[in-house]
């Protein structure tokens, strides 16, 4: 597995954990990283982080299908 694939999987996993925390505890890790925002608040930094996580999720799906591992 190449370094890009590993990084993509790590970011996608962090994003999945974040959504799990949002659903279970209304705790948004991205908002905390983006400057201690309250739950549901969005600024430019958090939007960029959400976009990066989304792209990594799509890339993880692509790499999984490309390698024949499913998704």
PDB file of N, CA and C in Angstrom:
ATOM      1  N   UNK A   1       0.860  -1.176   0.000  1.00  0.00           N
ATOM      2  CA  UNK A   1       0.000   0.000   0.000  1.00  0.00           C
ATOM      3  C   UNK A   1       0.904   1.237   0.000  1.00  0.00           C
ATOM      4  N   UNK A   2       0.620   2.138  -0.888  1.00  0.00           N
ATOM      5  CA  UNK A   2       1.441   3.334  -1.005  1.00  0.00           C
ATOM      6  C   UNK A   2       1.079   4.352   0.068  1.00  0.00           C
ATOM      7  N   UNK A   3       1.984   5.287   0.288  1.00  0.00           N
ATOM      8  CA  UNK A   3       1.810   6.289   1.340  1.00  0.00           C
ATOM      9  C   UNK A   3       0.544   7.122   1.125  1.00  0.00           C
ATOM     10  N   UNK A   4       0.230   7.428  -0.130  1.00  0.00           N
ATOM     11  CA  UNK A   4      -0.978   8.217  -0.413  1.00  0.00           C
ATOM     12  C   UNK A   4      -2.221   7.448   0.021  1.00  0.00           C
ATOM     13  N   UNK A   5      -2.244   6.156  -0.267  1.00  0.00           N
ATOM     14  CA  UNK A   5      -3.390   5.338   0.129  1.00  0.00           C
ATOM     15  C   UNK A   5      -3.531   5.280   1.646  1.00  0.00           C
ATOM     16  N   UNK A   6      -2.418   5.163   2.342  1.00  0.00           N
ATOM     17  CA  UNK A   6      -2.450   5.122   3.807  1.00  0.00           C
ATOM     18  C   UNK A   6      -2.977   6.439   4.361  1.00  0.00           C
ATOM     19  N   UNK A   7      -2.479   7.557   3.846  1.00  0.00           N
ATOM     20  CA  UNK A   7      -2.949   8.864   4.311  1.00  0.00           C
ATOM     21  C   UNK A   7      -4.436   9.058   4.024  1.00  0.00           C
ATOM     22  N   UNK A   8      -4.865   8.641   2.843  1.00  0.00           N
ATOM     23  CA  UNK A   8      -6.281   8.747   2.482  1.00  0.00           C
ATOM     24  C   UNK A   8      -7.132   7.938   3.457  1.00  0.00           C
ATOM     25  N   UNK A   9      -6.709   6.724   3.761  1.00  0.00           N
ATOM     26  CA  UNK A   9      -7.469   5.882   4.684  1.00  0.00           C
ATOM     27  C   UNK A   9      -7.499   6.463   6.092  1.00  0.00           C
ATOM     28  N   UNK A  10      -6.399   7.047   6.533  1.00  0.00           N
ATOM     29  CA  UNK A  10      -6.364   7.660   7.866  1.00  0.00           C
ATOM     30  C   UNK A  10      -7.330   8.833   7.937  1.00  0.00           C
ATOM     31  N   UNK A  11      -7.279   9.709   6.940  1.00  0.00           N
ATOM     32  CA  UNK A  11      -8.175  10.876   6.942  1.00  0.00           C
ATOM     33  C   UNK A  11      -9.631  10.433   6.839  1.00  0.00           C
ATOM     34  N   UNK A  12      -9.906   9.437   5.996  1.00  0.00           N
ATOM     35  CA  UNK A  12     -11.276   8.939   5.871  1.00  0.00           C
ATOM     36  C   UNK A  12     -11.746   8.312   7.183  1.00  0.00           C
ATOM     37  N   UNK A  13     -10.865   7.603   7.867  1.00  0.00           N
ATOM     38  CA  UNK A  13     -11.227   7.001   9.153  1.00  0.00           C
ATOM     39  C   UNK A  13     -11.502   8.071  10.201  1.00  0.00           C
ATOM     40  N   UNK A  14     -10.674   9.108  10.236  1.00  0.00           N
ATOM     41  CA  UNK A  14     -10.912  10.212  11.172  1.00  0.00           C
ATOM     42  C   UNK A  14     -12.256  10.870  10.869  1.00  0.00           C
ATOM     43  N   UNK A  15     -12.570  11.035   9.589  1.00  0.00           N
ATOM     44  CA  UNK A  15     -13.861  11.599   9.204  1.00  0.00           C
ATOM     45  C   UNK A  15     -15.016  10.719   9.642  1.00  0.00           C
ATOM     46  N   UNK A  16     -14.855   9.413   9.491  1.00  0.00           N
ATOM     47  CA  UNK A  16     -15.904   8.486   9.921  1.00  0.00           C
ATOM     48  C   UNK A  16     -16.082   8.529  11.436  1.00  0.00           C
ATOM     49  N   UNK A  17     -14.976   8.594  12.155  1.00  0.00           N
ATOM     50  CA  UNK A  17     -15.051   8.711  13.617  1.00  0.00           C
ATOM     51  C   UNK A  17     -15.736  10.011  14.003  1.00  0.00           C
ATOM     52  N   UNK A  18     -15.408  11.095  13.302  1.00  0.00           N
ATOM     53  CA  UNK A  18     -16.043  12.384  13.591  1.00  0.00           C
ATOM     54  C   UNK A  18     -17.554  12.298  13.413  1.00  0.00           C
ATOM     55  N   UNK A  19     -18.006  11.698  12.311  1.00  0.00           N
ATOM     56  CA  UNK A  19     -19.449  11.581  12.090  1.00  0.00           C
ATOM     57  C   UNK A  19     -20.095  10.687  13.134  1.00  0.00           C
ATOM     58  N   UNK A  20     -19.378   9.666  13.586  1.00  0.00           N
ATOM     59  CA  UNK A  20     -19.890   8.836  14.671  1.00  0.00           C
ATOM     60  C   UNK A  20     -20.052   9.631  15.955  1.00  0.00           C
ATOM     61  N   UNK A  21     -19.060  10.475  16.251  1.00  0.00           N
ATOM     62  CA  UNK A  21     -19.143  11.328  17.440  1.00  0.00           C
ATOM     63  C   UNK A  21     -20.273  12.341  17.320  1.00  0.00           C
ATOM     64  N   UNK A  22     -20.461  12.885  16.126  1.00  0.00           N
ATOM     65  CA  UNK A  22     -21.559  13.833  15.907  1.00  0.00           C
ATOM     66  C   UNK A  22     -22.891  13.139  16.163  1.00  0.00           C
ATOM     67  N   UNK A  23     -23.048  11.942  15.648  1.00  0.00           N
ATOM     68  CA  UNK A  23     -24.302  11.221  15.806  1.00  0.00           C
ATOM     69  C   UNK A  23     -24.561  10.754  17.225  1.00  0.00           C
ATOM     70  N   UNK A  24     -23.520  10.299  17.901  1.00  0.00           N
ATOM     71  CA  UNK A  24     -23.698   9.743  19.238  1.00  0.00           C
ATOM     72  C   UNK A  24     -23.702  10.790  20.341  1.00  0.00           C
ATOM     73  N   UNK A  25     -22.847  11.795  20.217  1.00  0.00           N
ATOM     74  CA  UNK A  25     -22.638  12.709  21.343  1.00  0.00           C
ATOM     75  C   UNK A  25     -22.753  14.185  20.978  1.00  0.00           C
ATOM     76  N   UNK A  26     -23.145  14.483  19.744  1.00  0.00           N
ATOM     77  CA  UNK A  26     -23.186  15.875  19.280  1.00  0.00           C
ATOM     78  C   UNK A  26     -21.849  16.581  19.550  1.00  0.00           C
ATOM     79  N   UNK A  27     -20.766  15.854  19.325  1.00  0.00           N
ATOM     80  CA  UNK A  27     -19.420  16.394  19.478  1.00  0.00           C
ATOM     81  C   UNK A  27     -18.774  16.418  18.109  1.00  0.00           C
ATOM     82  N   UNK A  28     -18.363  17.606  17.654  1.00  0.00           N
ATOM     83  CA  UNK A  28     -17.788  17.776  16.322  1.00  0.00           C
ATOM     84  C   UNK A  28     -16.294  18.035  16.449  1.00  0.00           C
ATOM     85  N   UNK A  29     -15.493  17.008  16.171  1.00  0.00           N
ATOM     86  CA  UNK A  29     -14.044  17.110  16.264  1.00  0.00           C
ATOM     87  C   UNK A  29     -13.493  18.126  15.273  1.00  0.00           C
ATOM     88  N   UNK A  30     -14.066  18.192  14.080  1.00  0.00           N
ATOM     89  CA  UNK A  30     -13.612  19.155  13.069  1.00  0.00           C
ATOM     90  C   UNK A  30     -13.820  20.581  13.567  1.00  0.00           C
ATOM     91  N   UNK A  31     -14.958  20.843  14.183  1.00  0.00           N
ATOM     92  CA  UNK A  31     -15.216  22.180  14.723  1.00  0.00           C
ATOM     93  C   UNK A  31     -14.203  22.525  15.804  1.00  0.00           C
ATOM     94  N   UNK A  32     -13.841  21.546  16.628  1.00  0.00           N
ATOM     95  CA  UNK A  32     -12.843  21.779  17.672  1.00  0.00           C
ATOM     96  C   UNK A  32     -11.485  22.101  17.054  1.00  0.00           C
ATOM     97  N   UNK A  33     -11.090  21.332  16.049  1.00  0.00           N
ATOM     98  CA  UNK A  33      -9.810  21.559  15.373  1.00  0.00           C
ATOM     99  C   UNK A  33      -9.806  22.910  14.659  1.00  0.00           C
ATOM    100  N   UNK A  34     -10.953  23.308  14.125  1.00  0.00           N
ATOM    101  CA  UNK A  34     -11.052  24.538  13.333  1.00  0.00           C
ATOM    102  C   UNK A  34     -11.187  25.785  14.191  1.00  0.00           C
ATOM    103  N   UNK A  35     -10.908  25.687  15.434  1.00  0.00           N
ATOM    104  CA  UNK A  35     -10.902  26.886  16.258  1.00  0.00           C
ATOM    105  C   UNK A  35     -11.898  26.883  17.395  1.00  0.00           C
ATOM    106  N   UNK A  36     -12.265  25.718  17.878  1.00  0.00           N
ATOM    107  CA  UNK A  36     -13.145  25.635  19.027  1.00  0.00           C
ATOM    108  C   UNK A  36     -14.551  26.120  18.776  1.00  0.00           C
ATOM    109  N   UNK A  37     -15.057  25.880  17.574  1.00  0.00           N
ATOM    110  CA  UNK A  37     -16.408  26.301  17.234  1.00  0.00           C
ATOM    111  C   UNK A  37     -17.426  25.484  18.012  1.00  0.00           C
ATOM    112  N   UNK A  38     -18.601  26.041  18.169  1.00  0.00           N
ATOM    113  CA  UNK A  38     -19.698  25.301  18.787  1.00  0.00           C
ATOM    114  C   UNK A  38     -20.238  24.294  17.782  1.00  0.00           C
ATOM    115  N   UNK A  39     -20.931  23.281  18.287  1.00  0.00           N
ATOM    116  CA  UNK A  39     -21.512  22.253  17.432  1.00  0.00           C
ATOM    117  C   UNK A  39     -22.403  22.901  16.378  1.00  0.00           C
ATOM    118  N   UNK A  40     -22.158  22.564  15.124  1.00  0.00           N
ATOM    119  CA  UNK A  40     -22.974  23.085  14.035  1.00  0.00           C
ATOM    120  C   UNK A  40     -22.447  24.354  13.398  1.00  0.00           C
ATOM    121  N   UNK A  41     -21.516  25.047  14.068  1.00  0.00           N
ATOM    122  CA  UNK A  41     -20.937  26.255  13.481  1.00  0.00           C
ATOM    123  C   UNK A  41     -19.935  25.863  12.399  1.00  0.00           C
ATOM    124  N   UNK A  42     -19.859  26.677  11.367  1.00  0.00           N
ATOM    125  CA  UNK A  42     -18.958  26.396  10.252  1.00  0.00           C
ATOM    126  C   UNK A  42     -18.186  27.661   9.917  1.00  0.00           C
ATOM    127  N   UNK A  43     -16.872  27.511   9.714  1.00  0.00           N
ATOM    128  CA  UNK A  43     -16.068  28.607   9.192  1.00  0.00           C
ATOM    129  C   UNK A  43     -15.257  28.071   8.015  1.00  0.00           C
ATOM    130  N   UNK A  44     -14.416  28.895   7.457  1.00  0.00           N
ATOM    131  CA  UNK A  44     -13.656  28.497   6.267  1.00  0.00           C
ATOM    132  C   UNK A  44     -12.768  27.296   6.549  1.00  0.00           C
ATOM    133  N   UNK A  45     -12.116  27.288   7.702  1.00  0.00           N
ATOM    134  CA  UNK A  45     -11.222  26.172   8.037  1.00  0.00           C
ATOM    135  C   UNK A  45     -12.007  24.869   8.134  1.00  0.00           C
ATOM    136  N   UNK A  46     -13.141  24.898   8.820  1.00  0.00           N
ATOM    137  CA  UNK A  46     -13.919  23.664   8.959  1.00  0.00           C
ATOM    138  C   UNK A  46     -14.468  23.205   7.612  1.00  0.00           C
ATOM    139  N   UNK A  47     -14.859  24.143   6.758  1.00  0.00           N
ATOM    140  CA  UNK A  47     -15.348  23.764   5.421  1.00  0.00           C
ATOM    141  C   UNK A  47     -14.245  23.079   4.618  1.00  0.00           C
ATOM    142  N   UNK A  48     -13.029  23.615   4.688  1.00  0.00           N
ATOM    143  CA  UNK A  48     -11.899  23.007   3.981  1.00  0.00           C
ATOM    144  C   UNK A  48     -11.639  21.603   4.531  1.00  0.00           C
ATOM    145  N   UNK A  49     -11.670  21.454   5.856  1.00  0.00           N
ATOM    146  CA  UNK A  49     -11.455  20.136   6.452  1.00  0.00           C
ATOM    147  C   UNK A  49     -12.530  19.142   6.017  1.00  0.00           C
ATOM    148  N   UNK A  50     -13.789  19.582   5.993  1.00  0.00           N
ATOM    149  CA  UNK A  50     -14.866  18.701   5.536  1.00  0.00           C
ATOM    150  C   UNK A  50     -14.668  18.305   4.073  1.00  0.00           C
ATOM    151  N   UNK A  51     -14.232  19.231   3.239  1.00  0.00           N
ATOM    152  CA  UNK A  51     -13.989  18.936   1.826  1.00  0.00           C
ATOM    153  C   UNK A  51     -12.856  17.923   1.677  1.00  0.00           C
ATOM    154  N   UNK A  52     -11.770  18.114   2.427  1.00  0.00           N
ATOM    155  CA  UNK A  52     -10.637  17.186   2.375  1.00  0.00           C
ATOM    156  C   UNK A  52     -11.075  15.789   2.811  1.00  0.00           C
ATOM    157  N   UNK A  53     -11.846  15.704   3.890  1.00  0.00           N
ATOM    158  CA  UNK A  53     -12.333  14.405   4.363  1.00  0.00           C
ATOM    159  C   UNK A  53     -13.229  13.756   3.308  1.00  0.00           C
ATOM    160  N   UNK A  54     -14.091  14.540   2.679  1.00  0.00           N
ATOM    161  CA  UNK A  54     -14.958  14.003   1.630  1.00  0.00           C
ATOM    162  C   UNK A  54     -14.174  13.473   0.445  1.00  0.00           C
ATOM    163  N   UNK A  55     -13.176  14.219   0.021  1.00  0.00           N
ATOM    164  CA  UNK A  55     -12.330  13.775  -1.092  1.00  0.00           C
ATOM    165  C   UNK A  55     -11.583  12.500  -0.715  1.00  0.00           C
ATOM    166  N   UNK A  56     -11.081  12.446   0.509  1.00  0.00           N
ATOM    167  CA  UNK A  56     -10.373  11.241   0.959  1.00  0.00           C
ATOM    168  C   UNK A  56     -11.315  10.045   1.047  1.00  0.00           C
ATOM    169  N   UNK A  57     -12.558  10.275   1.431  1.00  0.00           N
ATOM    170  CA  UNK A  57     -13.534   9.190   1.452  1.00  0.00           C
ATOM    171  C   UNK A  57     -13.771   8.630   0.063  1.00  0.00           C
ATOM    172  N   UNK A  58     -13.923   9.513  -0.911  1.00  0.00           N
ATOM    173  CA  UNK A  58     -14.097   9.068  -2.300  1.00  0.00           C
ATOM    174  C   UNK A  58     -12.846   8.356  -2.811  1.00  0.00           C
ATOM    175  N   UNK A  59     -11.670   8.884  -2.458  1.00  0.00           N
ATOM    176  CA  UNK A  59     -10.421   8.254  -2.882  1.00  0.00           C
ATOM    177  C   UNK A  59     -10.266   6.879  -2.232  1.00  0.00           C
ATOM    178  N   UNK A  60     -10.659   6.744  -0.971  1.00  0.00           N
ATOM    179  CA  UNK A  60     -10.587   5.443  -0.295  1.00  0.00           C
ATOM    180  C   UNK A  60     -11.495   4.437  -0.991  1.00  0.00           C
ATOM    181  N   UNK A  61     -12.674   4.878  -1.375  1.00  0.00           N
ATOM    182  CA  UNK A  61     -13.588   4.014  -2.125  1.00  0.00           C
ATOM    183  C   UNK A  61     -12.951   3.597  -3.447  1.00  0.00           C
ATOM    184  N   UNK A  62     -12.357   4.551  -4.153  1.00  0.00           N
ATOM    185  CA  UNK A  62     -11.701   4.274  -5.435  1.00  0.00           C
ATOM    186  C   UNK A  62     -10.557   3.280  -5.253  1.00  0.00           C
ATOM    187  N   UNK A  63      -9.678   3.538  -4.272  1.00  0.00           N
ATOM    188  CA  UNK A  63      -8.542   2.641  -4.049  1.00  0.00           C
ATOM    189  C   UNK A  63      -9.016   1.244  -3.653  1.00  0.00           C
ATOM    190  N   UNK A  64     -10.073   1.178  -2.860  1.00  0.00           N
ATOM    191  CA  UNK A  64     -10.609  -0.122  -2.468  1.00  0.00           C
ATOM    192  C   UNK A  64     -11.135  -0.897  -3.655  1.00  0.00           C
ATOM    193  N   UNK A  65     -11.859  -0.223  -4.534  1.00  0.00           N
ATOM    194  CA  UNK A  65     -12.383  -0.883  -5.729  1.00  0.00           C
ATOM    195  C   UNK A  65     -11.265  -1.227  -6.703  1.00  0.00           C
ATOM    196  N   UNK A  66     -10.271  -0.331  -6.819  1.00  0.00           N
ATOM    197  CA  UNK A  66      -9.153  -0.547  -7.726  1.00  0.00           C
ATOM    198  C   UNK A  66      -8.336  -1.764  -7.310  1.00  0.00           C
ATOM    199  N   UNK A  67      -8.149  -1.925  -6.013  1.00  0.00           N
ATOM    200  CA  UNK A  67      -7.348  -3.038  -5.501  1.00  0.00           C
ATOM    201  C   UNK A  67      -8.151  -4.322  -5.345  1.00  0.00           C
ATOM    202  N   UNK A  68      -9.437  -4.256  -5.657  1.00  0.00           N
ATOM    203  CA  UNK A  68     -10.264  -5.449  -5.557  1.00  0.00           C
ATOM    204  C   UNK A  68     -10.658  -5.809  -4.142  1.00  0.00           C
ATOM    205  N   UNK A  69     -10.520  -4.861  -3.212  1.00  0.00           N
ATOM    206  CA  UNK A  69     -10.847  -5.126  -1.817  1.00  0.00           C
ATOM    207  C   UNK A  69     -12.278  -4.776  -1.478  1.00  0.00           C
ATOM    208  N   UNK A  70     -13.042  -4.281  -2.423  1.00  0.00           N
ATOM    209  CA  UNK A  70     -14.380  -3.792  -2.120  1.00  0.00           C
ATOM    210  C   UNK A  70     -14.271  -2.427  -1.487  1.00  0.00           C
ATOM    211  N   UNK A  71     -15.316  -2.024  -0.783  1.00  0.00           N
ATOM    212  CA  UNK A  71     -15.264  -0.702  -0.167  1.00  0.00           C
ATOM    213  C   UNK A  71     -15.781  -0.752   1.235  1.00  0.00           C
TER     214      UNK A  71
END
